[in-house]
Amino acid sequence: MNMHPYQKYKEKLEKGHSKSMEEVIRELYIERDEGPSVTARELGIPRQAVLHFIHEYDLRNEKHENMAKHNKLKQ
């Protein structure tokens, strides 16, 4: 059985960060409010891989909810 191309990135990053891939992506994409390109650059993986994980962990909705909350607080 072939390994999904992103599986290698996932294993490497989980090992290097000692946390789940979801936590790694969430920290940069949600908590630090970075975009996919900056997240990819920081992690040393392709932007497409970051987009894959954002989709896999359904983080886009969470990010938009956080942005909406943040914008409400600024008003």
PDB file of N, CA and C in Angstrom:
ATOM      1  N   MET A   1       0.836  -1.189   0.000  1.00  0.00           N
ATOM      2  CA  MET A   1       0.000   0.000   0.000  1.00  0.00           C
ATOM      3  C   MET A   1       0.881   1.253   0.000  1.00  0.00           C
ATOM      4  N   ASN A   2       0.570   2.193  -0.860  1.00  0.00           N
ATOM      5  CA  ASN A   2       1.348   3.426  -0.941  1.00  0.00           C
ATOM      6  C   ASN A   2       0.966   4.399   0.160  1.00  0.00           C
ATOM      7  N   MET A   3       1.968   5.093   0.674  1.00  0.00           N
ATOM      8  CA  MET A   3       1.733   6.101   1.693  1.00  0.00           C
ATOM      9  C   MET A   3       1.245   7.373   1.006  1.00  0.00           C
ATOM     10  N   HIS A   4       0.280   8.025   1.607  1.00  0.00           N
ATOM     11  CA  HIS A   4      -0.190   9.304   1.078  1.00  0.00           C
ATOM     12  C   HIS A   4       1.002  10.251   1.041  1.00  0.00           C
ATOM     13  N   PRO A   5       1.149  11.050  -0.028  1.00  0.00           N
ATOM     14  CA  PRO A   5       2.338  11.915  -0.137  1.00  0.00           C
ATOM     15  C   PRO A   5       2.521  12.852   1.062  1.00  0.00           C
ATOM     16  N   TYR A   6       1.439  13.249   1.696  1.00  0.00           N
ATOM     17  CA  TYR A   6       1.557  14.168   2.829  1.00  0.00           C
ATOM     18  C   TYR A   6       1.879  13.453   4.137  1.00  0.00           C
ATOM     19  N   GLN A   7       1.771  12.133   4.141  1.00  0.00           N
ATOM     20  CA  GLN A   7       2.025  11.365   5.354  1.00  0.00           C
ATOM     21  C   GLN A   7       3.464  11.563   5.854  1.00  0.00           C
ATOM     22  N   LYS A   8       4.410  11.659   4.925  1.00  0.00           N
ATOM     23  CA  LYS A   8       5.818  11.858   5.313  1.00  0.00           C
ATOM     24  C   LYS A   8       5.994  13.198   6.025  1.00  0.00           C
ATOM     25  N   TYR A   9       5.352  14.251   5.499  1.00  0.00           N
ATOM     26  CA  TYR A   9       5.422  15.567   6.156  1.00  0.00           C
ATOM     27  C   TYR A   9       4.826  15.474   7.553  1.00  0.00           C
ATOM     28  N   LYS A  10       3.686  14.790   7.646  1.00  0.00           N
ATOM     29  CA  LYS A  10       2.986  14.660   8.918  1.00  0.00           C
ATOM     30  C   LYS A  10       3.873  13.966   9.945  1.00  0.00           C
ATOM     31  N   GLU A  11       4.457  12.830   9.562  1.00  0.00           N
ATOM     32  CA  GLU A  11       5.306  12.076  10.488  1.00  0.00           C
ATOM     33  C   GLU A  11       6.514  12.902  10.928  1.00  0.00           C
ATOM     34  N   LYS A  12       7.153  13.567   9.977  1.00  0.00           N
ATOM     35  CA  LYS A  12       8.345  14.366  10.269  1.00  0.00           C
ATOM     36  C   LYS A  12       8.008  15.521  11.218  1.00  0.00           C
ATOM     37  N   LEU A  13       6.916  16.220  10.945  1.00  0.00           N
ATOM     38  CA  LEU A  13       6.562  17.374  11.766  1.00  0.00           C
ATOM     39  C   LEU A  13       6.050  16.971  13.146  1.00  0.00           C
ATOM     40  N   GLU A  14       5.292  15.874  13.203  1.00  0.00           N
ATOM     41  CA  GLU A  14       4.808  15.409  14.513  1.00  0.00           C
ATOM     42  C   GLU A  14       5.989  14.994  15.390  1.00  0.00           C
ATOM     43  N   LYS A  15       6.957  14.347  14.786  1.00  0.00           N
ATOM     44  CA  LYS A  15       8.147  13.922  15.530  1.00  0.00           C
ATOM     45  C   LYS A  15       8.961  15.142  15.967  1.00  0.00           C
ATOM     46  N   GLY A  16       9.156  16.076  15.048  1.00  0.00           N
ATOM     47  CA  GLY A  16       9.964  17.268  15.331  1.00  0.00           C
ATOM     48  C   GLY A  16       9.330  18.209  16.344  1.00  0.00           C
ATOM     49  N   HIS A  17       8.002  18.280  16.355  1.00  0.00           N
ATOM     50  CA  HIS A  17       7.301  19.203  17.256  1.00  0.00           C
ATOM     51  C   HIS A  17       6.746  18.505  18.498  1.00  0.00           C
ATOM     52  N   SER A  18       6.828  17.187  18.530  1.00  0.00           N
ATOM     53  CA  SER A  18       6.284  16.379  19.638  1.00  0.00           C
ATOM     54  C   SER A  18       4.818  16.701  19.923  1.00  0.00           C
ATOM     55  N   LYS A  19       4.052  16.900  18.858  1.00  0.00           N
ATOM     56  CA  LYS A  19       2.607  17.103  18.985  1.00  0.00           C
ATOM     57  C   LYS A  19       1.946  16.658  17.700  1.00  0.00           C
ATOM     58  N   SER A  20       0.632  16.560  17.733  1.00  0.00           N
ATOM     59  CA  SER A  20      -0.084  16.090  16.542  1.00  0.00           C
ATOM     60  C   SER A  20      -0.006  17.131  15.424  1.00  0.00           C
ATOM     61  N   MET A  21      -0.159  16.663  14.206  1.00  0.00           N
ATOM     62  CA  MET A  21      -0.137  17.569  13.058  1.00  0.00           C
ATOM     63  C   MET A  21      -1.226  18.621  13.193  1.00  0.00           C
ATOM     64  N   GLU A  22      -2.372  18.204  13.695  1.00  0.00           N
ATOM     65  CA  GLU A  22      -3.468  19.169  13.884  1.00  0.00           C
ATOM     66  C   GLU A  22      -3.029  20.291  14.825  1.00  0.00           C
ATOM     67  N   GLU A  23      -2.345  19.948  15.901  1.00  0.00           N
ATOM     68  CA  GLU A  23      -1.867  20.972  16.842  1.00  0.00           C
ATOM     69  C   GLU A  23      -0.821  21.880  16.202  1.00  0.00           C
ATOM     70  N   VAL A  24       0.067  21.294  15.402  1.00  0.00           N
ATOM     71  CA  VAL A  24       1.113  22.069  14.731  1.00  0.00           C
ATOM     72  C   VAL A  24       0.480  23.093  13.785  1.00  0.00           C
ATOM     73  N   ILE A  25      -0.448  22.630  12.950  1.00  0.00           N
ATOM     74  CA  ILE A  25      -1.111  23.519  11.987  1.00  0.00           C
ATOM     75  C   ILE A  25      -1.960  24.545  12.734  1.00  0.00           C
ATOM     76  N   ARG A  26      -2.705  24.106  13.731  1.00  0.00           N
ATOM     77  CA  ARG A  26      -3.582  25.012  14.488  1.00  0.00           C
ATOM     78  C   ARG A  26      -2.776  26.150  15.124  1.00  0.00           C
ATOM     79  N   GLU A  27      -1.606  25.815  15.667  1.00  0.00           N
ATOM     80  CA  GLU A  27      -0.781  26.827  16.328  1.00  0.00           C
ATOM     81  C   GLU A  27      -0.415  27.964  15.369  1.00  0.00           C
ATOM     82  N   LEU A  28       0.005  27.614  14.175  1.00  0.00           N
ATOM     83  CA  LEU A  28       0.411  28.644  13.216  1.00  0.00           C
ATOM     84  C   LEU A  28      -0.779  29.296  12.523  1.00  0.00           C
ATOM     85  N   TYR A  29      -1.676  28.474  12.021  1.00  0.00           N
ATOM     86  CA  TYR A  29      -2.776  28.956  11.173  1.00  0.00           C
ATOM     87  C   TYR A  29      -3.863  29.662  11.979  1.00  0.00           C
ATOM     88  N   ILE A  30      -4.183  29.150  13.158  1.00  0.00           N
ATOM     89  CA  ILE A  30      -5.260  29.733  13.963  1.00  0.00           C
ATOM     90  C   ILE A  30      -4.695  30.679  15.035  1.00  0.00           C
ATOM     91  N   GLU A  31      -3.840  30.148  15.914  1.00  0.00           N
ATOM     92  CA  GLU A  31      -3.387  30.934  17.058  1.00  0.00           C
ATOM     93  C   GLU A  31      -2.497  32.105  16.650  1.00  0.00           C
ATOM     94  N   ARG A  32      -1.579  31.875  15.719  1.00  0.00           N
ATOM     95  CA  ARG A  32      -0.722  32.979  15.258  1.00  0.00           C
ATOM     96  C   ARG A  32      -1.344  33.732  14.091  1.00  0.00           C
ATOM     97  N   ASP A  33      -2.456  33.206  13.581  1.00  0.00           N
ATOM     98  CA  ASP A  33      -3.213  33.840  12.498  1.00  0.00           C
ATOM     99  C   ASP A  33      -2.369  34.032  11.228  1.00  0.00           C
ATOM    100  N   GLU A  34      -1.576  33.010  10.909  1.00  0.00           N
ATOM    101  CA  GLU A  34      -0.774  33.041   9.684  1.00  0.00           C
ATOM    102  C   GLU A  34      -1.596  32.486   8.526  1.00  0.00           C
ATOM    103  N   GLY A  35      -1.259  32.882   7.332  1.00  0.00           N
ATOM    104  CA  GLY A  35      -1.891  32.321   6.145  1.00  0.00           C
ATOM    105  C   GLY A  35      -1.227  31.008   5.769  1.00  0.00           C
ATOM    106  N   PRO A  36      -1.796  30.296   4.798  1.00  0.00           N
ATOM    107  CA  PRO A  36      -1.224  29.016   4.372  1.00  0.00           C
ATOM    108  C   PRO A  36       0.218  29.132   3.859  1.00  0.00           C
ATOM    109  N   SER A  37       0.529  30.208   3.152  1.00  0.00           N
ATOM    110  CA  SER A  37       1.888  30.354   2.600  1.00  0.00           C
ATOM    111  C   SER A  37       2.923  30.527   3.701  1.00  0.00           C
ATOM    112  N   VAL A  38       2.616  31.374   4.678  1.00  0.00           N
ATOM    113  CA  VAL A  38       3.552  31.599   5.788  1.00  0.00           C
ATOM    114  C   VAL A  38       3.662  30.333   6.631  1.00  0.00           C
ATOM    115  N   THR A  39       2.543  29.672   6.874  1.00  0.00           N
ATOM    116  CA  THR A  39       2.548  28.415   7.628  1.00  0.00           C
ATOM    117  C   THR A  39       3.434  27.392   6.928  1.00  0.00           C
ATOM    118  N   ALA A  40       3.283  27.278   5.618  1.00  0.00           N
ATOM    119  CA  ALA A  40       4.090  26.333   4.833  1.00  0.00           C
ATOM    120  C   ALA A  40       5.579  26.675   4.935  1.00  0.00           C
ATOM    121  N   ARG A  41       5.900  27.958   4.806  1.00  0.00           N
ATOM    122  CA  ARG A  41       7.297  28.394   4.870  1.00  0.00           C
ATOM    123  C   ARG A  41       7.878  28.085   6.258  1.00  0.00           C
ATOM    124  N   GLU A  42       7.125  28.381   7.308  1.00  0.00           N
ATOM    125  CA  GLU A  42       7.606  28.127   8.675  1.00  0.00           C
ATOM    126  C   GLU A  42       7.842  26.642   8.930  1.00  0.00           C
ATOM    127  N   LEU A  43       6.991  25.792   8.341  1.00  0.00           N
ATOM    128  CA  LEU A  43       7.104  24.349   8.569  1.00  0.00           C
ATOM    129  C   LEU A  43       8.034  23.665   7.568  1.00  0.00           C
ATOM    130  N   GLY A  44       8.380  24.371   6.501  1.00  0.00           N
ATOM    131  CA  GLY A  44       9.256  23.789   5.485  1.00  0.00           C
ATOM    132  C   GLY A  44       8.568  22.735   4.635  1.00  0.00           C
ATOM    133  N   ILE A  45       7.251  22.913   4.416  1.00  0.00           N
ATOM    134  CA  ILE A  45       6.497  21.983   3.567  1.00  0.00           C
ATOM    135  C   ILE A  45       5.761  22.789   2.493  1.00  0.00           C
ATOM    136  N   PRO A  46       5.331  22.144   1.416  1.00  0.00           N
ATOM    137  CA  PRO A  46       4.622  22.867   0.359  1.00  0.00           C
ATOM    138  C   PRO A  46       3.301  23.456   0.854  1.00  0.00           C
ATOM    139  N   ARG A  47       2.925  24.589   0.287  1.00  0.00           N
ATOM    140  CA  ARG A  47       1.660  25.244   0.626  1.00  0.00           C
ATOM    141  C   ARG A  47       0.481  24.292   0.408  1.00  0.00           C
ATOM    142  N   GLN A  48       0.564  23.492  -0.654  1.00  0.00           N
ATOM    143  CA  GLN A  48      -0.512  22.551  -0.954  1.00  0.00           C
ATOM    144  C   GLN A  48      -0.708  21.546   0.181  1.00  0.00           C
ATOM    145  N   ALA A  49       0.387  21.155   0.820  1.00  0.00           N
ATOM    146  CA  ALA A  49       0.299  20.233   1.954  1.00  0.00           C
ATOM    147  C   ALA A  49      -0.404  20.913   3.132  1.00  0.00           C
ATOM    148  N   VAL A  50      -0.074  22.180   3.365  1.00  0.00           N
ATOM    149  CA  VAL A  50      -0.737  22.933   4.441  1.00  0.00           C
ATOM    150  C   VAL A  50      -2.234  23.012   4.155  1.00  0.00           C
ATOM    151  N   LEU A  51      -2.601  23.321   2.922  1.00  0.00           N
ATOM    152  CA  LEU A  51      -4.017  23.397   2.551  1.00  0.00           C
ATOM    153  C   LEU A  51      -4.709  22.057   2.760  1.00  0.00           C
ATOM    154  N   HIS A  52      -4.015  20.983   2.457  1.00  0.00           N
ATOM    155  CA  HIS A  52      -4.556  19.637   2.676  1.00  0.00           C
ATOM    156  C   HIS A  52      -4.893  19.432   4.157  1.00  0.00           C
ATOM    157  N   PHE A  53      -3.953  19.782   5.034  1.00  0.00           N
ATOM    158  CA  PHE A  53      -4.173  19.574   6.468  1.00  0.00           C
ATOM    159  C   PHE A  53      -5.233  20.529   7.019  1.00  0.00           C
ATOM    160  N   ILE A  54      -5.278  21.757   6.530  1.00  0.00           N
ATOM    161  CA  ILE A  54      -6.323  22.707   6.940  1.00  0.00           C
ATOM    162  C   ILE A  54      -7.686  22.109   6.614  1.00  0.00           C
ATOM    163  N   HIS A  55      -7.795  21.539   5.420  1.00  0.00           N
ATOM    164  CA  HIS A  55      -9.050  20.920   5.006  1.00  0.00           C
ATOM    165  C   HIS A  55      -9.337  19.661   5.835  1.00  0.00           C
ATOM    166  N   GLU A  56      -8.312  18.830   6.007  1.00  0.00           N
ATOM    167  CA  GLU A  56      -8.485  17.569   6.733  1.00  0.00           C
ATOM    168  C   GLU A  56      -8.973  17.800   8.170  1.00  0.00           C
ATOM    169  N   TYR A  57      -8.456  18.841   8.813  1.00  0.00           N
ATOM    170  CA  TYR A  57      -8.819  19.114  10.207  1.00  0.00           C
ATOM    171  C   TYR A  57      -9.932  20.165  10.309  1.00  0.00           C
ATOM    172  N   ASP A  58     -10.486  20.560   9.174  1.00  0.00           N
ATOM    173  CA  ASP A  58     -11.596  21.512   9.116  1.00  0.00           C
ATOM    174  C   ASP A  58     -11.280  22.797   9.888  1.00  0.00           C
ATOM    175  N   LEU A  59     -10.095  23.345   9.648  1.00  0.00           N
ATOM    176  CA  LEU A  59      -9.655  24.531  10.382  1.00  0.00           C
ATOM    177  C   LEU A  59     -10.100  25.837   9.735  1.00  0.00           C
ATOM    178  N   ARG A  60     -10.508  25.786   8.482  1.00  0.00           N
ATOM    179  CA  ARG A  60     -10.899  27.028   7.800  1.00  0.00           C
ATOM    180  C   ARG A  60     -12.096  27.683   8.505  1.00  0.00           C
ATOM    181  N   ASN A  61     -13.104  26.872   8.851  1.00  0.00           N
ATOM    182  CA  ASN A  61     -14.271  27.427   9.547  1.00  0.00           C
ATOM    183  C   ASN A  61     -13.883  28.018  10.896  1.00  0.00           C
ATOM    184  N   GLU A  62     -13.020  27.323  11.598  1.00  0.00           N
ATOM    185  CA  GLU A  62     -12.562  27.811  12.905  1.00  0.00           C
ATOM    186  C   GLU A  62     -11.844  29.150  12.762  1.00  0.00           C
ATOM    187  N   LYS A  63     -11.017  29.255  11.732  1.00  0.00           N
ATOM    188  CA  LYS A  63     -10.289  30.511  11.503  1.00  0.00           C
ATOM    189  C   LYS A  63     -11.266  31.640  11.206  1.00  0.00           C
ATOM    190  N   HIS A  64     -12.259  31.379  10.370  1.00  0.00           N
ATOM    191  CA  HIS A  64     -13.230  32.419  10.025  1.00  0.00           C
ATOM    192  C   HIS A  64     -14.071  32.819  11.239  1.00  0.00           C
ATOM    193  N   GLU A  65     -14.404  31.857  12.086  1.00  0.00           N
ATOM    194  CA  GLU A  65     -15.142  32.171  13.311  1.00  0.00           C
ATOM    195  C   GLU A  65     -14.306  33.053  14.228  1.00  0.00           C
ATOM    196  N   ASN A  66     -13.023  32.736  14.357  1.00  0.00           N
ATOM    197  CA  ASN A  66     -12.129  33.550  15.188  1.00  0.00           C
ATOM    198  C   ASN A  66     -11.998  34.962  14.632  1.00  0.00           C
ATOM    199  N   MET A  67     -11.911  35.071  13.313  1.00  0.00           N
ATOM    200  CA  MET A  67     -11.806  36.388  12.685  1.00  0.00           C
ATOM    201  C   MET A  67     -13.072  37.200  12.934  1.00  0.00           C
ATOM    202  N   ALA A  68     -14.226  36.554  12.835  1.00  0.00           N
ATOM    203  CA  ALA A  68     -15.496  37.238  13.067  1.00  0.00           C
ATOM    204  C   ALA A  68     -15.585  37.726  14.516  1.00  0.00           C
ATOM    205  N   LYS A  69     -15.186  36.875  15.474  1.00  0.00           N
ATOM    206  CA  LYS A  69     -15.186  37.266  16.885  1.00  0.00           C
ATOM    207  C   LYS A  69     -14.251  38.442  17.118  1.00  0.00           C
ATOM    208  N   HIS A  70     -13.064  38.347  16.537  1.00  0.00           N
ATOM    209  CA  HIS A  70     -12.049  39.396  16.689  1.00  0.00           C
ATOM    210  C   HIS A  70     -12.563  40.719  16.129  1.00  0.00           C
ATOM    211  N   ASN A  71     -13.182  40.662  14.967  1.00  0.00           N
ATOM    212  CA  ASN A  71     -13.710  41.880  14.345  1.00  0.00           C
ATOM    213  C   ASN A  71     -14.837  42.496  15.171  1.00  0.00           C
ATOM    214  N   LYS A  72     -15.659  41.650  15.799  1.00  0.00           N
ATOM    215  CA  LYS A  72     -16.734  42.161  16.664  1.00  0.00           C
ATOM    216  C   LYS A  72     -16.155  42.889  17.874  1.00  0.00           C
ATOM    217  N   LEU A  73     -15.089  42.331  18.431  1.00  0.00           N
ATOM    218  CA  LEU A  73     -14.468  42.939  19.603  1.00  0.00           C
ATOM    219  C   LEU A  73     -13.860  44.307  19.284  1.00  0.00           C
ATOM    220  N   LYS A  74     -13.410  44.468  18.053  1.00  0.00           N
ATOM    221  CA  LYS A  74     -12.778  45.734  17.661  1.00  0.00           C
ATOM    222  C   LYS A  74     -13.802  46.862  17.483  1.00  0.00           C
ATOM    223  N   GLN A  75     -15.057  46.499  17.272  1.00  0.00           N
ATOM    224  CA  GLN A  75     -16.081  47.523  17.023  1.00  0.00           C
ATOM    225  C   GLN A  75     -16.471  48.272  18.274  1.00  0.00           C
TER     226      GLN A  75
END
